[in-house]
Amino acid sequence: VAQSLPGLLLERLEAADPGESKEQLLTAAFKLANSDLVSFAAQHGLDLSCSGTTASCALRSGDDVLVGWLGDARVLVATVAGDFAGIDLFAEPHVPGGAAERQRLEKFGATIQQVASREGGGGAADRITVPGVEDAPGLSVSRALGICSAATAGVVGQPSLAKTTFA
């Protein structure tokens, strides 16, 4: 996915219709990357029922930057020029503990549980349990590519998009 997503975005940019926005093209590239991942897994006998990945991608055009991300692949866009340094954009991760993501998942009937940290030292993390896959520890992200069995629980490959500018 790390190699296919930028390549798919470039292909979409080169073949774009005049009316297609960069947001539409970036979203389409994520969808194509998911299809590419599923096809690769099928060709090589890999099981994606409980496997997948998060991703992020940035498209810079002049001073404008459009970023797309899903899962916990957070996006940070910063300006560093001379003595100035500043954060232009810091994206929120797609995790089941976030209010908007929890609400979206619950509409799909997802079960979200707090699971104790495996590393010790206390703490717990929200996890999405997928029907029929109860022996797995649960998903820590609410959006991802792959993870075919989790689609019924609302885990999707739809990225969030944000724009910023260096101007």
N, C-alpha and C. Protein backbone atom coordinates (compact mmCIF):
# COMPACT_ATOMS: atom_id res chain seq x y z
N VAL A 1 0.83 -1.19 0.00
CA VAL A 1 0.00 0.00 0.00
C VAL A 1 0.87 1.25 0.00
N ALA A 2 2.00 1.19 0.69
CA ALA A 2 2.89 2.35 0.75
C ALA A 2 3.36 2.76 -0.63
N GLN A 3 3.51 1.80 -1.52
CA GLN A 3 3.93 2.11 -2.89
C GLN A 3 2.74 2.30 -3.81
N SER A 4 1.67 1.55 -3.60
CA SER A 4 0.56 1.61 -4.54
C SER A 4 -0.29 2.86 -4.38
N LEU A 5 -0.50 3.34 -3.17
CA LEU A 5 -1.37 4.50 -2.98
C LEU A 5 -0.88 5.75 -3.72
N PRO A 6 0.38 6.16 -3.57
CA PRO A 6 0.84 7.32 -4.35
C PRO A 6 0.77 7.08 -5.86
N GLY A 7 1.12 5.87 -6.29
CA GLY A 7 1.06 5.56 -7.73
C GLY A 7 -0.36 5.61 -8.26
N LEU A 8 -1.30 5.09 -7.48
CA LEU A 8 -2.71 5.13 -7.89
C LEU A 8 -3.24 6.56 -7.93
N LEU A 9 -2.80 7.39 -6.99
CA LEU A 9 -3.20 8.80 -7.01
C LEU A 9 -2.64 9.48 -8.25
N LEU A 10 -1.40 9.22 -8.58
CA LEU A 10 -0.79 9.81 -9.77
C LEU A 10 -1.55 9.38 -11.03
N GLU A 11 -1.89 8.10 -11.12
CA GLU A 11 -2.68 7.61 -12.27
C GLU A 11 -4.02 8.32 -12.35
N ARG A 12 -4.68 8.51 -11.22
CA ARG A 12 -5.98 9.18 -11.20
C ARG A 12 -5.83 10.65 -11.62
N LEU A 13 -4.76 11.30 -11.18
CA LEU A 13 -4.52 12.69 -11.56
C LEU A 13 -4.31 12.82 -13.06
N GLU A 14 -3.56 11.89 -13.64
CA GLU A 14 -3.26 11.93 -15.07
C GLU A 14 -4.49 11.64 -15.92
N ALA A 15 -5.43 10.83 -15.42
CA ALA A 15 -6.61 10.44 -16.19
C ALA A 15 -7.87 11.19 -15.75
N ALA A 16 -7.72 12.21 -14.94
CA ALA A 16 -8.87 12.90 -14.35
C ALA A 16 -9.72 13.62 -15.39
N ASP A 17 -11.02 13.58 -15.16
CA ASP A 17 -11.95 14.39 -15.93
C ASP A 17 -11.83 15.82 -15.43
N PRO A 18 -12.11 16.81 -16.30
CA PRO A 18 -11.97 18.21 -15.88
C PRO A 18 -12.80 18.58 -14.64
N GLY A 19 -13.93 17.93 -14.44
CA GLY A 19 -14.80 18.27 -13.31
C GLY A 19 -14.46 17.56 -12.01
N GLU A 20 -13.51 16.62 -12.04
CA GLU A 20 -13.18 15.88 -10.82
C GLU A 20 -12.28 16.71 -9.91
N SER A 21 -12.66 16.76 -8.64
CA SER A 21 -11.86 17.51 -7.68
C SER A 21 -10.70 16.65 -7.17
N LYS A 22 -9.71 17.31 -6.61
CA LYS A 22 -8.59 16.59 -6.02
C LYS A 22 -9.06 15.72 -4.86
N GLU A 23 -10.09 16.18 -4.15
CA GLU A 23 -10.64 15.37 -3.06
C GLU A 23 -11.23 14.06 -3.59
N GLN A 24 -11.94 14.14 -4.69
CA GLN A 24 -12.52 12.93 -5.30
C GLN A 24 -11.41 11.99 -5.77
N LEU A 25 -10.37 12.55 -6.34
CA LEU A 25 -9.26 11.74 -6.85
C LEU A 25 -8.50 11.04 -5.72
N LEU A 26 -8.27 11.76 -4.62
CA LEU A 26 -7.56 11.17 -3.49
C LEU A 26 -8.41 10.08 -2.84
N THR A 27 -9.70 10.33 -2.68
CA THR A 27 -10.60 9.31 -2.13
C THR A 27 -10.63 8.08 -3.02
N ALA A 28 -10.67 8.28 -4.33
CA ALA A 28 -10.67 7.16 -5.28
C ALA A 28 -9.37 6.37 -5.18
N ALA A 29 -8.25 7.05 -4.96
CA ALA A 29 -6.96 6.36 -4.85
C ALA A 29 -6.96 5.44 -3.62
N PHE A 30 -7.54 5.88 -2.51
CA PHE A 30 -7.64 5.02 -1.33
C PHE A 30 -8.50 3.79 -1.63
N LYS A 31 -9.60 4.00 -2.33
CA LYS A 31 -10.49 2.87 -2.67
C LYS A 31 -9.76 1.88 -3.58
N LEU A 32 -9.02 2.39 -4.55
CA LEU A 32 -8.26 1.53 -5.45
C LEU A 32 -7.13 0.81 -4.71
N ALA A 33 -6.50 1.47 -3.74
CA ALA A 33 -5.45 0.83 -2.95
C ALA A 33 -6.03 -0.33 -2.15
N ASN A 34 -7.25 -0.16 -1.63
CA ASN A 34 -7.89 -1.25 -0.91
C ASN A 34 -8.15 -2.42 -1.85
N SER A 35 -8.67 -2.14 -3.03
CA SER A 35 -8.92 -3.20 -4.02
C SER A 35 -7.62 -3.89 -4.41
N ASP A 36 -6.56 -3.11 -4.57
CA ASP A 36 -5.25 -3.65 -4.91
C ASP A 36 -4.76 -4.59 -3.81
N LEU A 37 -4.94 -4.19 -2.56
CA LEU A 37 -4.52 -5.01 -1.42
C LEU A 37 -5.31 -6.32 -1.37
N VAL A 38 -6.61 -6.24 -1.57
CA VAL A 38 -7.46 -7.43 -1.55
C VAL A 38 -7.08 -8.37 -2.69
N SER A 39 -6.83 -7.83 -3.88
CA SER A 39 -6.41 -8.66 -5.03
C SER A 39 -5.07 -9.32 -4.77
N PHE A 40 -4.12 -8.57 -4.23
CA PHE A 40 -2.80 -9.12 -3.91
C PHE A 40 -2.93 -10.28 -2.92
N ALA A 41 -3.76 -10.09 -1.89
CA ALA A 41 -3.95 -11.14 -0.88
C ALA A 41 -4.56 -12.39 -1.52
N ALA A 42 -5.55 -12.21 -2.39
CA ALA A 42 -6.19 -13.35 -3.05
C ALA A 42 -5.19 -14.10 -3.93
N GLN A 43 -4.34 -13.37 -4.67
CA GLN A 43 -3.36 -13.99 -5.56
C GLN A 43 -2.31 -14.80 -4.79
N HIS A 44 -2.03 -14.38 -3.56
CA HIS A 44 -0.96 -15.01 -2.78
C HIS A 44 -1.49 -15.85 -1.62
N GLY A 45 -2.80 -16.07 -1.59
CA GLY A 45 -3.39 -16.92 -0.56
C GLY A 45 -3.29 -16.34 0.84
N LEU A 46 -3.33 -15.03 0.95
CA LEU A 46 -3.25 -14.37 2.25
C LEU A 46 -4.66 -14.11 2.79
N ASP A 47 -4.82 -14.24 4.09
CA ASP A 47 -6.12 -14.05 4.75
C ASP A 47 -6.20 -12.64 5.31
N LEU A 48 -7.08 -11.83 4.73
CA LEU A 48 -7.25 -10.46 5.21
C LEU A 48 -8.45 -10.32 6.16
N SER A 49 -9.00 -11.42 6.62
CA SER A 49 -10.17 -11.30 7.48
C SER A 49 -9.84 -10.55 8.76
N CYS A 50 -8.62 -10.68 9.24
CA CYS A 50 -8.21 -9.97 10.46
C CYS A 50 -6.92 -9.19 10.26
N SER A 51 -6.55 -8.94 9.02
CA SER A 51 -5.32 -8.21 8.73
C SER A 51 -5.61 -7.03 7.83
N GLY A 52 -4.84 -5.99 8.02
CA GLY A 52 -5.02 -4.81 7.19
C GLY A 52 -3.95 -3.79 7.51
N THR A 53 -4.19 -2.56 7.08
CA THR A 53 -3.21 -1.51 7.31
C THR A 53 -3.90 -0.16 7.35
N THR A 54 -3.25 0.79 7.96
CA THR A 54 -3.69 2.17 7.91
C THR A 54 -2.83 2.88 6.88
N ALA A 55 -3.21 4.07 6.49
CA ALA A 55 -2.46 4.76 5.44
C ALA A 55 -2.70 6.26 5.50
N SER A 56 -1.76 6.99 4.94
CA SER A 56 -1.93 8.43 4.74
C SER A 56 -1.26 8.81 3.43
N CYS A 57 -1.73 9.91 2.86
CA CYS A 57 -1.18 10.37 1.59
C CYS A 57 -1.37 11.88 1.51
N ALA A 58 -0.37 12.57 1.02
CA ALA A 58 -0.44 14.02 0.85
C ALA A 58 -0.26 14.38 -0.61
N LEU A 59 -1.00 15.38 -1.03
CA LEU A 59 -0.90 15.91 -2.39
C LEU A 59 -0.65 17.40 -2.28
N ARG A 60 0.52 17.83 -2.73
CA ARG A 60 0.86 19.26 -2.69
C ARG A 60 0.76 19.83 -4.09
N SER A 61 0.08 20.94 -4.19
CA SER A 61 -0.06 21.65 -5.45
C SER A 61 0.21 23.12 -5.17
N GLY A 62 1.40 23.58 -5.53
CA GLY A 62 1.78 24.95 -5.19
C GLY A 62 1.89 25.08 -3.68
N ASP A 63 1.18 26.06 -3.12
CA ASP A 63 1.20 26.25 -1.67
C ASP A 63 0.12 25.43 -0.96
N ASP A 64 -0.78 24.80 -1.73
CA ASP A 64 -1.89 24.06 -1.14
C ASP A 64 -1.52 22.60 -0.91
N VAL A 65 -1.99 22.07 0.21
CA VAL A 65 -1.74 20.67 0.56
C VAL A 65 -3.08 20.02 0.90
N LEU A 66 -3.35 18.89 0.27
CA LEU A 66 -4.53 18.08 0.58
C LEU A 66 -4.00 16.77 1.14
N VAL A 67 -4.49 16.39 2.30
CA VAL A 67 -4.05 15.13 2.90
C VAL A 67 -5.27 14.23 3.14
N GLY A 68 -5.02 12.94 3.02
CA GLY A 68 -6.03 11.94 3.33
C GLY A 68 -5.39 10.91 4.26
N TRP A 69 -6.16 10.41 5.21
CA TRP A 69 -5.63 9.42 6.13
C TRP A 69 -6.76 8.56 6.65
N LEU A 70 -6.38 7.38 7.10
CA LEU A 70 -7.33 6.52 7.78
C LEU A 70 -6.61 5.69 8.81
N GLY A 71 -7.32 5.33 9.85
CA GLY A 71 -6.74 4.59 10.95
C GLY A 71 -5.91 5.49 11.84
N ASP A 72 -4.86 4.91 12.42
CA ASP A 72 -4.01 5.70 13.30
C ASP A 72 -2.78 6.24 12.59
N ALA A 73 -2.81 6.25 11.26
CA ALA A 73 -1.75 6.85 10.45
C ALA A 73 -1.98 8.37 10.46
N ARG A 74 -1.57 8.99 11.51
CA ARG A 74 -1.85 10.42 11.69
C ARG A 74 -1.02 11.27 10.72
N VAL A 75 -1.56 12.40 10.39
CA VAL A 75 -0.92 13.31 9.45
C VAL A 75 -0.50 14.57 10.18
N LEU A 76 0.73 14.97 9.96
CA LEU A 76 1.26 16.21 10.51
C LEU A 76 1.85 17.00 9.35
N VAL A 77 1.37 18.21 9.16
CA VAL A 77 1.91 19.11 8.15
C VAL A 77 2.46 20.31 8.91
N ALA A 78 3.73 20.61 8.68
CA ALA A 78 4.38 21.70 9.40
C ALA A 78 5.14 22.62 8.45
N THR A 79 5.32 23.84 8.88
CA THR A 79 6.12 24.82 8.14
C THR A 79 7.37 25.10 8.96
N VAL A 80 8.51 24.97 8.32
CA VAL A 80 9.79 25.32 8.95
C VAL A 80 10.51 26.21 7.94
N ALA A 81 10.65 27.48 8.28
CA ALA A 81 11.30 28.44 7.38
C ALA A 81 12.11 29.42 8.22
N GLY A 82 13.41 29.33 8.08
CA GLY A 82 14.26 30.21 8.88
C GLY A 82 14.06 29.94 10.36
N ASP A 83 13.76 31.01 11.11
CA ASP A 83 13.53 30.86 12.55
C ASP A 83 12.11 30.46 12.88
N PHE A 84 11.23 30.42 11.88
CA PHE A 84 9.82 30.08 12.12
C PHE A 84 9.58 28.58 11.97
N ALA A 85 8.84 28.04 12.90
CA ALA A 85 8.39 26.65 12.81
C ALA A 85 6.98 26.60 13.38
N GLY A 86 6.07 26.00 12.65
CA GLY A 86 4.69 25.92 13.12
C GLY A 86 3.98 24.72 12.54
N ILE A 87 2.99 24.26 13.27
CA ILE A 87 2.17 23.14 12.82
C ILE A 87 0.97 23.70 12.06
N ASP A 88 0.84 23.28 10.81
CA ASP A 88 -0.28 23.73 9.98
C ASP A 88 -1.48 22.80 10.11
N LEU A 89 -1.23 21.52 10.34
CA LEU A 89 -2.31 20.53 10.43
C LEU A 89 -1.82 19.33 11.22
N PHE A 90 -2.62 18.88 12.17
CA PHE A 90 -2.34 17.66 12.92
C PHE A 90 -3.65 16.89 13.00
N ALA A 91 -3.74 15.80 12.24
CA ALA A 91 -5.00 15.07 12.08
C ALA A 91 -5.29 14.15 13.26
N GLU A 92 -6.55 14.01 13.56
CA GLU A 92 -7.00 13.09 14.60
C GLU A 92 -7.04 11.67 14.04
N PRO A 93 -6.66 10.69 14.84
CA PRO A 93 -6.69 9.30 14.37
C PRO A 93 -8.13 8.77 14.34
N HIS A 94 -8.35 7.74 13.56
CA HIS A 94 -9.65 7.06 13.51
C HIS A 94 -9.59 5.89 14.48
N VAL A 95 -10.03 6.13 15.68
CA VAL A 95 -10.02 5.10 16.73
C VAL A 95 -11.42 4.99 17.31
N PRO A 96 -11.77 3.81 17.83
CA PRO A 96 -13.13 3.62 18.33
C PRO A 96 -13.47 4.46 19.55
N GLY A 97 -12.47 5.02 20.23
CA GLY A 97 -12.74 5.86 21.39
C GLY A 97 -13.15 7.28 21.06
N GLY A 98 -12.92 7.71 19.81
CA GLY A 98 -13.34 9.05 19.40
C GLY A 98 -14.85 9.11 19.26
N ALA A 99 -15.46 10.21 19.70
CA ALA A 99 -16.92 10.31 19.74
C ALA A 99 -17.57 10.09 18.37
N ALA A 100 -17.07 10.74 17.34
CA ALA A 100 -17.69 10.62 16.01
C ALA A 100 -17.52 9.20 15.46
N GLU A 101 -16.35 8.63 15.63
CA GLU A 101 -16.10 7.27 15.13
C GLU A 101 -16.93 6.25 15.92
N ARG A 102 -17.03 6.42 17.23
CA ARG A 102 -17.83 5.51 18.04
C ARG A 102 -19.30 5.54 17.59
N GLN A 103 -19.82 6.73 17.37
CA GLN A 103 -21.21 6.87 16.93
C GLN A 103 -21.41 6.20 15.56
N ARG A 104 -20.49 6.41 14.65
CA ARG A 104 -20.58 5.80 13.32
C ARG A 104 -20.55 4.28 13.43
N LEU A 105 -19.64 3.75 14.23
CA LEU A 105 -19.51 2.31 14.40
C LEU A 105 -20.75 1.69 15.04
N GLU A 106 -21.28 2.38 16.04
CA GLU A 106 -22.46 1.86 16.73
C GLU A 106 -23.67 1.79 15.81
N LYS A 107 -23.74 2.68 14.82
CA LYS A 107 -24.83 2.61 13.83
C LYS A 107 -24.76 1.30 13.04
N PHE A 108 -23.55 0.76 12.88
CA PHE A 108 -23.36 -0.52 12.19
C PHE A 108 -23.55 -1.70 13.13
N GLY A 109 -23.77 -1.43 14.41
CA GLY A 109 -23.94 -2.50 15.38
C GLY A 109 -22.63 -3.03 15.94
N ALA A 110 -21.56 -2.28 15.80
CA ALA A 110 -20.26 -2.71 16.32
C ALA A 110 -20.30 -2.77 17.85
N THR A 111 -19.53 -3.71 18.38
CA THR A 111 -19.34 -3.81 19.82
C THR A 111 -17.97 -3.25 20.13
N ILE A 112 -17.94 -2.28 21.05
CA ILE A 112 -16.67 -1.65 21.43
C ILE A 112 -16.44 -1.96 22.90
N GLN A 113 -15.28 -2.52 23.18
CA GLN A 113 -14.94 -2.91 24.55
C GLN A 113 -13.61 -2.30 24.94
N GLN A 114 -13.47 -2.06 26.24
CA GLN A 114 -12.17 -1.63 26.74
C GLN A 114 -11.37 -2.88 27.07
N VAL A 115 -10.16 -2.94 26.53
CA VAL A 115 -9.29 -4.10 26.72
C VAL A 115 -8.03 -3.61 27.43
N ALA A 116 -7.62 -4.35 28.45
CA ALA A 116 -6.42 -3.99 29.20
C ALA A 116 -5.20 -4.01 28.29
N SER A 117 -4.30 -3.11 28.53
CA SER A 117 -3.07 -3.03 27.76
C SER A 117 -2.24 -4.28 27.96
N ARG A 118 -1.66 -4.79 26.88
CA ARG A 118 -0.79 -5.97 26.96
C ARG A 118 0.59 -5.63 27.51
N GLU A 119 0.97 -4.37 27.43
CA GLU A 119 2.31 -3.97 27.84
C GLU A 119 2.45 -3.87 29.35
N GLY A 120 1.37 -3.97 30.07
CA GLY A 120 1.44 -3.81 31.52
C GLY A 120 1.41 -2.34 31.87
N GLY A 121 1.50 -2.06 33.12
CA GLY A 121 1.50 -0.67 33.56
C GLY A 121 0.11 -0.07 33.59
N GLY A 122 -0.90 -0.88 33.50
CA GLY A 122 -2.27 -0.37 33.57
C GLY A 122 -2.71 0.22 32.24
N GLY A 123 -3.84 0.82 32.27
CA GLY A 123 -4.39 1.44 31.07
C GLY A 123 -5.21 0.46 30.26
N ALA A 124 -6.07 1.01 29.46
CA ALA A 124 -6.93 0.20 28.61
C ALA A 124 -7.15 0.94 27.31
N ALA A 125 -7.51 0.20 26.28
CA ALA A 125 -7.78 0.79 24.97
C ALA A 125 -9.12 0.29 24.47
N ASP A 126 -9.84 1.14 23.77
CA ASP A 126 -11.09 0.73 23.14
C ASP A 126 -10.76 -0.15 21.95
N ARG A 127 -11.48 -1.26 21.83
CA ARG A 127 -11.28 -2.20 20.73
C ARG A 127 -12.63 -2.56 20.13
N ILE A 128 -12.65 -2.74 18.82
CA ILE A 128 -13.84 -3.16 18.10
C ILE A 128 -13.79 -4.67 17.98
N THR A 129 -14.82 -5.35 18.46
CA THR A 129 -14.86 -6.79 18.27
C THR A 129 -15.74 -7.08 17.06
N VAL A 130 -15.30 -8.05 16.30
CA VAL A 130 -15.97 -8.40 15.06
C VAL A 130 -16.71 -9.72 15.27
N PRO A 131 -18.00 -9.76 14.95
CA PRO A 131 -18.75 -11.01 15.11
C PRO A 131 -18.08 -12.16 14.36
N GLY A 132 -17.94 -13.29 15.04
CA GLY A 132 -17.31 -14.45 14.44
C GLY A 132 -15.81 -14.49 14.61
N VAL A 133 -15.23 -13.43 15.16
CA VAL A 133 -13.78 -13.37 15.36
C VAL A 133 -13.50 -13.00 16.83
N GLU A 134 -14.23 -13.63 17.72
CA GLU A 134 -14.13 -13.28 19.13
C GLU A 134 -12.80 -13.65 19.77
N ASP A 135 -12.04 -14.58 19.17
CA ASP A 135 -10.77 -14.99 19.75
C ASP A 135 -9.64 -14.00 19.47
N ALA A 136 -9.90 -13.01 18.63
CA ALA A 136 -8.90 -11.98 18.32
C ALA A 136 -9.00 -10.86 19.37
N PRO A 137 -7.93 -10.08 19.55
CA PRO A 137 -7.95 -9.03 20.58
C PRO A 137 -8.85 -7.84 20.24
N GLY A 138 -9.37 -7.76 19.05
CA GLY A 138 -10.18 -6.61 18.64
C GLY A 138 -9.34 -5.58 17.92
N LEU A 139 -10.01 -4.77 17.14
CA LEU A 139 -9.32 -3.76 16.33
C LEU A 139 -9.16 -2.46 17.10
N SER A 140 -7.99 -1.86 16.99
CA SER A 140 -7.74 -0.60 17.67
C SER A 140 -8.01 0.60 16.78
N VAL A 141 -8.33 0.37 15.50
CA VAL A 141 -8.64 1.45 14.57
C VAL A 141 -10.02 1.25 13.97
N SER A 142 -10.68 2.33 13.65
CA SER A 142 -12.04 2.25 13.10
C SER A 142 -12.09 2.43 11.59
N ARG A 143 -10.95 2.72 10.99
CA ARG A 143 -10.85 2.81 9.53
C ARG A 143 -9.53 2.17 9.12
N ALA A 144 -9.57 1.34 8.08
CA ALA A 144 -8.37 0.64 7.63
C ALA A 144 -8.62 0.07 6.24
N LEU A 145 -7.54 -0.27 5.57
CA LEU A 145 -7.60 -1.00 4.31
C LEU A 145 -7.45 -2.48 4.64
N GLY A 146 -8.15 -3.33 3.92
CA GLY A 146 -8.12 -4.76 4.22
C GLY A 146 -9.15 -5.07 5.30
N ILE A 147 -8.80 -5.92 6.23
CA ILE A 147 -9.65 -6.33 7.36
C ILE A 147 -11.08 -6.58 6.89
N CYS A 148 -11.23 -7.47 5.93
CA CYS A 148 -12.51 -7.72 5.27
C CYS A 148 -13.63 -8.09 6.23
N SER A 149 -13.33 -8.86 7.28
CA SER A 149 -14.37 -9.30 8.20
C SER A 149 -14.94 -8.15 9.02
N ALA A 150 -14.23 -7.05 9.13
CA ALA A 150 -14.65 -5.94 9.97
C ALA A 150 -15.59 -4.97 9.27
N ALA A 151 -15.80 -5.13 7.97
CA ALA A 151 -16.70 -4.22 7.25
C ALA A 151 -18.11 -4.26 7.82
N THR A 152 -18.55 -5.42 8.28
CA THR A 152 -19.90 -5.53 8.86
C THR A 152 -20.00 -4.79 10.18
N ALA A 153 -18.87 -4.52 10.81
CA ALA A 153 -18.86 -3.78 12.07
C ALA A 153 -18.63 -2.29 11.84
N GLY A 154 -18.57 -1.86 10.58
CA GLY A 154 -18.41 -0.44 10.28
C GLY A 154 -16.99 0.02 10.04
N VAL A 155 -16.02 -0.90 10.05
CA VAL A 155 -14.64 -0.52 9.76
C VAL A 155 -14.54 -0.36 8.24
N VAL A 156 -14.21 0.84 7.81
CA VAL A 156 -14.22 1.17 6.38
C VAL A 156 -12.87 1.71 5.94
N GLY A 157 -12.66 1.71 4.63
CA GLY A 157 -11.44 2.26 4.05
C GLY A 157 -11.63 3.67 3.53
N GLN A 158 -12.62 4.38 4.03
CA GLN A 158 -12.92 5.76 3.62
C GLN A 158 -12.02 6.72 4.40
N PRO A 159 -11.15 7.45 3.71
CA PRO A 159 -10.26 8.36 4.43
C PRO A 159 -10.96 9.65 4.85
N SER A 160 -10.39 10.30 5.83
CA SER A 160 -10.75 11.69 6.12
C SER A 160 -9.83 12.55 5.29
N LEU A 161 -10.31 13.71 4.89
CA LEU A 161 -9.52 14.64 4.08
C LEU A 161 -9.42 15.99 4.77
N ALA A 162 -8.31 16.67 4.59
CA ALA A 162 -8.15 18.01 5.12
C ALA A 162 -7.23 18.79 4.19
N LYS A 163 -7.45 20.09 4.15
CA LYS A 163 -6.63 20.98 3.33
C LYS A 163 -5.92 21.97 4.23
N THR A 164 -4.75 22.36 3.82
CA THR A 164 -4.04 23.44 4.46
C THR A 164 -3.22 24.13 3.37
N THR A 165 -2.61 25.22 3.74
CA THR A 165 -1.80 25.97 2.77
C THR A 165 -0.54 26.48 3.43
N PHE A 166 0.50 26.63 2.64
CA PHE A 166 1.75 27.20 3.12
C PHE A 166 1.82 28.70 2.83
N ALA A 167 0.78 29.22 2.20
CA ALA A 167 0.78 30.65 1.84
C ALA A 167 0.61 31.53 3.06
